[in-house]
């Protein structure tokens, strides 16, 4: 039976339904009780013919870049096994793992799993007039595209999937917050933060979140949360679910220790 700093802690999982399953299972293994309320939904592009057209002309590109595992998931069903690929770059190791499921090893996987990381990794590699197919979601930040254009590349944006806000769990979420049922709220993307804040419109957020720990998967999500007025307590150095859980464990272990010390002083 699991035991540890997260034992008995109730953690809100806000990512899309399909991705929430793995996160919840890892939380259970750590002793936590996950509650899933997906704040976003992921769906294939509404223009599959555009993806098919880009795939037919892959030979015209020097680089194929994926900003997320979802991009890989919704792009590769259009690619035949014998189709030759240009050089491939990804934003992070989860995206690289998704590629390997299709037998593809990326040429570039940055140390820092954000757009800025892959920009630095590509600077010495991308040549002026290189043709780049950038596979992403509809809410992806423009920073990577803009940087590639500044390098002199010819960039084609390809929206492979669409992220939309999901407010179907609003009543459940408000009930859990009002009844103080949540110990941790996790955000794994800026869009989960934005959806959460939309649900909180008209509510006393400070009161509802009193006592709740806010955990963000990385600096971009953290910045979005802080700009929205949320206090972020946990943000791992490596932007993965596993590292997020480790940071939660360290946070609560430290808090427990501080509580014991303060208790000893009081006595």
Protein backbone atom coordinates (compact mmCIF):
# COMPACT_ATOMS: atom_id res chain seq x y z
CA UNK A 1 0.00 0.00 0.00
CA UNK A 2 1.32 3.44 -0.95
CA UNK A 3 2.41 5.83 1.75
CA UNK A 4 4.22 9.12 1.73
CA UNK A 5 3.74 12.89 1.75
CA UNK A 6 0.78 12.71 -0.66
CA UNK A 7 -1.09 10.06 1.31
CA UNK A 8 -4.62 11.34 1.95
CA UNK A 9 -4.19 14.41 -0.28
CA UNK A 10 -6.92 15.10 -2.81
CA UNK A 11 -5.54 16.37 -6.12
CA UNK A 12 -7.58 17.98 -8.88
CA UNK A 13 -6.54 16.80 -12.36
CA UNK A 14 -7.60 19.37 -14.93
CA UNK A 15 -6.02 18.09 -18.15
CA UNK A 16 -8.01 16.58 -21.03
CA UNK A 17 -9.83 13.31 -20.41
CA UNK A 18 -7.48 11.01 -22.34
CA UNK A 19 -4.31 12.42 -20.76
CA UNK A 20 -5.85 12.58 -17.28
CA UNK A 21 -5.89 8.79 -16.91
CA UNK A 22 -2.10 8.39 -16.75
CA UNK A 23 -1.70 11.35 -14.40
CA UNK A 24 -4.39 10.02 -12.05
CA UNK A 25 -2.83 6.57 -11.94
CA UNK A 26 0.57 8.01 -10.99
CA UNK A 27 -1.06 10.10 -8.27
CA UNK A 28 -2.73 6.99 -6.84
CA UNK A 29 0.63 5.19 -6.83
CA UNK A 30 1.98 8.12 -4.79
CA UNK A 31 -0.86 7.75 -2.27
CA UNK A 32 -2.98 10.69 -3.42
CA UNK A 33 -6.66 10.68 -4.35
CA UNK A 34 -7.14 12.22 -7.81
CA UNK A 35 -10.36 13.89 -8.91
CA UNK A 36 -10.66 14.42 -12.65
CA UNK A 37 -12.46 17.49 -13.96
CA UNK A 38 -11.15 18.07 -17.49
CA UNK A 39 -11.06 21.81 -18.12
CA UNK A 40 -10.12 21.41 -21.78
CA UNK A 41 -11.01 19.04 -24.58
CA UNK A 42 -8.73 18.04 -27.46
CA UNK A 43 -10.16 17.21 -30.88
CA UNK A 44 -8.72 16.60 -34.36
CA UNK A 45 -8.35 19.53 -36.71
CA UNK A 46 -11.56 20.58 -38.43
CA UNK A 47 -9.56 20.63 -41.68
CA UNK A 48 -8.05 17.16 -42.12
CA UNK A 49 -7.62 17.81 -45.83
CA UNK A 50 -5.01 20.45 -44.95
CA UNK A 51 -2.97 17.89 -43.00
CA UNK A 52 -3.24 15.40 -45.86
CA UNK A 53 -2.05 18.05 -48.32
CA UNK A 54 1.00 18.91 -46.19
CA UNK A 55 1.87 15.22 -45.83
CA UNK A 56 1.76 14.78 -49.61
CA UNK A 57 4.37 17.53 -49.91
CA UNK A 58 6.65 16.52 -47.02
CA UNK A 59 9.55 16.11 -49.44
CA UNK A 60 9.48 19.88 -49.97
CA UNK A 61 10.36 20.61 -46.34
CA UNK A 62 13.74 20.70 -44.63
CA UNK A 63 12.32 20.43 -41.10
CA UNK A 64 9.26 18.95 -39.45
CA UNK A 65 8.66 20.36 -35.96
CA UNK A 66 6.17 19.15 -33.35
CA UNK A 67 5.23 21.30 -30.36
CA UNK A 68 3.42 18.52 -28.45
CA UNK A 69 2.60 14.82 -28.31
CA UNK A 70 -0.92 15.70 -29.44
CA UNK A 71 0.54 17.10 -32.66
CA UNK A 72 2.22 13.74 -33.30
CA UNK A 73 -0.98 11.86 -32.44
CA UNK A 74 -3.13 13.76 -34.92
CA UNK A 75 -0.51 14.12 -37.68
CA UNK A 76 0.89 10.64 -38.12
CA UNK A 77 -2.31 8.80 -39.07
CA UNK A 78 -1.95 10.66 -42.39
CA UNK A 79 1.65 9.46 -42.90
CA UNK A 80 2.39 6.18 -44.69
CA UNK A 81 5.21 4.03 -43.31
CA UNK A 82 7.27 4.41 -46.46
CA UNK A 83 6.94 8.21 -46.54
CA UNK A 84 10.40 9.82 -46.18
CA UNK A 85 10.52 12.51 -43.51
CA UNK A 86 12.60 15.69 -43.30
CA UNK A 87 14.71 16.37 -40.20
CA UNK A 88 12.45 16.26 -37.13
CA UNK A 89 12.57 18.46 -34.02
CA UNK A 90 10.33 18.34 -30.93
CA UNK A 91 9.75 20.58 -27.94
CA UNK A 92 10.10 17.90 -25.25
CA UNK A 93 10.77 14.27 -24.39
CA UNK A 94 7.08 13.33 -24.18
CA UNK A 95 6.73 14.43 -27.78
CA UNK A 96 9.89 12.49 -28.65
CA UNK A 97 8.39 9.39 -27.00
CA UNK A 98 5.19 9.81 -29.03
CA UNK A 99 7.32 9.92 -32.20
CA UNK A 100 9.22 6.78 -31.30
CA UNK A 101 5.91 4.91 -31.22
CA UNK A 102 5.91 5.56 -34.99
CA UNK A 103 9.53 4.51 -35.36
CA UNK A 104 10.82 8.07 -35.69
CA UNK A 105 13.82 9.43 -33.78
CA UNK A 106 13.93 13.25 -33.69
CA UNK A 107 17.15 15.00 -34.61
CA UNK A 108 16.55 17.70 -32.00
CA UNK A 109 15.17 17.34 -28.45
CA UNK A 110 16.03 20.40 -26.32
CA UNK A 111 17.06 20.25 -22.67
CA UNK A 112 14.35 22.76 -21.77
CA UNK A 113 10.88 21.54 -22.71
CA UNK A 114 9.36 24.82 -23.90
CA UNK A 115 9.36 26.63 -27.23
CA UNK A 116 12.32 28.75 -26.13
CA UNK A 117 14.36 25.58 -25.61
CA UNK A 118 13.85 24.26 -29.12
CA UNK A 119 14.55 27.75 -30.52
CA UNK A 120 18.01 27.74 -28.92
CA UNK A 121 18.65 24.20 -30.13
CA UNK A 122 17.67 25.08 -33.71
CA UNK A 123 19.57 28.36 -34.03
CA UNK A 124 22.83 26.77 -35.23
CA UNK A 125 20.96 24.28 -37.45
CA UNK A 126 18.28 26.20 -39.33
CA UNK A 127 19.55 27.92 -42.47
CA UNK A 128 17.99 30.93 -44.20
CA UNK A 129 15.26 29.85 -46.61
CA UNK A 130 14.88 26.44 -44.94
CA UNK A 131 11.29 25.28 -45.36
CA UNK A 132 9.71 24.25 -42.06
CA UNK A 133 6.41 22.51 -41.37
CA UNK A 134 5.35 23.47 -37.84
CA UNK A 135 2.75 21.04 -36.47
CA UNK A 136 0.84 22.44 -33.50
CA UNK A 137 -2.51 23.09 -31.85
CA UNK A 138 -4.77 26.07 -32.39
CA UNK A 139 -3.76 27.68 -29.08
CA UNK A 140 0.02 27.33 -29.46
CA UNK A 141 2.04 30.44 -28.63
CA UNK A 142 3.49 32.27 -31.65
CA UNK A 143 6.98 32.52 -30.13
CA UNK A 144 8.43 29.50 -31.98
CA UNK A 145 7.00 30.49 -35.37
CA UNK A 146 8.20 34.08 -34.96
CA UNK A 147 11.70 32.96 -33.97
CA UNK A 148 11.98 30.63 -36.98
CA UNK A 149 10.91 33.41 -39.32
CA UNK A 150 13.53 35.67 -37.74
CA UNK A 151 16.11 32.98 -38.55
CA UNK A 152 15.13 33.41 -42.20
CA UNK A 153 13.08 30.21 -42.48
CA UNK A 154 9.95 29.78 -44.57
CA UNK A 155 7.41 28.49 -42.02
CA UNK A 156 4.14 26.69 -42.75
CA UNK A 157 1.79 26.55 -39.75
CA UNK A 158 -0.23 23.34 -39.58
CA UNK A 159 -3.03 23.10 -37.01
CA UNK A 160 -3.28 19.35 -36.33
CA UNK A 161 -5.62 19.56 -33.34
CA UNK A 162 -7.88 21.99 -31.57
CA UNK A 163 -8.11 22.75 -27.87
CA UNK A 164 -11.38 24.10 -26.52
CA UNK A 165 -12.52 25.12 -23.05
CA UNK A 166 -14.67 22.57 -21.22
CA UNK A 167 -16.98 24.07 -18.61
CA UNK A 168 -19.14 20.98 -18.08
CA UNK A 169 -17.56 20.33 -14.68
CA UNK A 170 -18.14 23.83 -13.29
CA UNK A 171 -20.75 22.88 -10.68
CA UNK A 172 -18.67 19.97 -9.41
CA UNK A 173 -15.58 22.15 -9.22
CA UNK A 174 -17.36 24.91 -7.28
CA UNK A 175 -18.84 22.34 -4.90
CA UNK A 176 -15.41 20.83 -4.16
CA UNK A 177 -13.88 24.27 -3.56
CA UNK A 178 -16.71 25.49 -1.34
CA UNK A 179 -16.58 22.30 0.75
CA UNK A 180 -12.76 22.50 1.04
CA UNK A 181 -12.36 19.07 -0.55
CA UNK A 182 -9.24 19.84 -2.59
CA UNK A 183 -5.65 19.96 -1.33
CA UNK A 184 -3.96 20.55 -4.70
CA UNK A 185 -5.11 22.00 -8.02
CA UNK A 186 -2.88 21.05 -10.94
CA UNK A 187 -2.52 22.94 -14.20
CA UNK A 188 -0.72 21.29 -17.11
CA UNK A 189 -1.19 24.01 -19.72
CA UNK A 190 -2.09 27.65 -20.05
CA UNK A 191 -5.45 26.63 -21.51
CA UNK A 192 -6.37 24.73 -18.31
CA UNK A 193 -5.65 27.90 -16.33
CA UNK A 194 -7.73 30.02 -18.70
CA UNK A 195 -10.66 27.61 -18.53
CA UNK A 196 -10.45 27.55 -14.72
CA UNK A 197 -10.48 31.33 -14.51
CA UNK A 198 -13.49 31.49 -16.82
CA UNK A 199 -15.36 29.16 -14.44
CA UNK A 200 -14.40 31.36 -11.50
CA UNK A 201 -15.89 34.53 -12.97
CA UNK A 202 -18.08 36.23 -10.38
CA UNK A 203 -16.73 34.06 -7.54
CA UNK A 204 -14.59 35.01 -4.55
CA UNK A 205 -11.51 33.21 -5.83
CA UNK A 206 -9.30 34.12 -2.86
CA UNK A 207 -11.79 32.55 -0.46
CA UNK A 208 -12.40 29.47 -2.62
CA UNK A 209 -8.69 28.78 -3.02
CA UNK A 210 -7.78 29.42 0.61
CA UNK A 211 -5.72 26.44 1.75
CA UNK A 212 -5.37 25.03 -1.79
CA UNK A 213 -1.92 24.38 -3.21
CA UNK A 214 -1.50 25.39 -6.87
CA UNK A 215 0.85 23.28 -8.99
CA UNK A 216 1.87 24.19 -12.54
CA UNK A 217 3.79 21.90 -14.89
CA UNK A 218 6.18 24.54 -16.22
CA UNK A 219 7.10 28.21 -16.47
CA UNK A 220 4.68 29.11 -19.28
CA UNK A 221 1.71 27.70 -17.38
CA UNK A 222 2.98 29.31 -14.18
CA UNK A 223 3.24 32.70 -15.86
CA UNK A 224 -0.33 32.39 -17.14
CA UNK A 225 -1.56 31.47 -13.66
CA UNK A 226 0.28 34.33 -11.98
CA UNK A 227 -0.95 36.83 -14.56
CA UNK A 228 -4.46 35.62 -13.72
CA UNK A 229 -3.80 36.44 -10.05
CA UNK A 230 -3.14 32.92 -8.76
CA UNK A 231 -0.34 32.13 -6.30
CA UNK A 232 1.70 29.21 -7.61
CA UNK A 233 3.30 26.99 -4.95
CA UNK A 234 4.78 24.20 -7.10
CA UNK A 235 6.54 24.30 -10.49
CA UNK A 236 9.13 21.60 -11.30
CA UNK A 237 12.43 22.25 -13.06
CA UNK A 238 11.65 19.47 -15.53
CA UNK A 239 8.27 20.00 -17.13
CA UNK A 240 6.79 16.51 -16.82
CA UNK A 241 3.99 14.90 -14.83
CA UNK A 242 6.49 12.69 -12.98
CA UNK A 243 8.53 15.70 -11.86
CA UNK A 244 5.37 17.57 -10.93
CA UNK A 245 4.39 14.75 -8.57
CA UNK A 246 7.91 14.66 -7.09
CA UNK A 247 7.69 18.39 -6.40
CA UNK A 248 4.31 17.87 -4.70
CA UNK A 249 5.83 15.18 -2.49
CA UNK A 250 8.74 17.44 -1.55
CA UNK A 251 6.40 20.36 -0.88
CA UNK A 252 4.16 18.41 1.52
CA UNK A 253 7.11 16.63 3.16
CA UNK A 254 8.68 20.03 3.89
CA UNK A 255 5.39 21.41 5.17
CA UNK A 256 4.93 18.42 7.47
CA UNK A 257 8.46 18.85 8.82
CA UNK A 258 7.95 22.57 9.41
CA UNK A 259 4.70 21.80 11.20
CA UNK A 260 6.47 19.34 13.53
CA UNK A 261 9.22 21.87 14.28
CA UNK A 262 6.72 24.60 14.99
CA UNK A 263 4.79 22.19 17.17
CA UNK A 264 7.91 21.36 19.16
CA UNK A 265 8.63 25.06 19.65
CA UNK A 266 5.09 25.67 20.84
CA UNK A 267 5.35 22.88 23.36
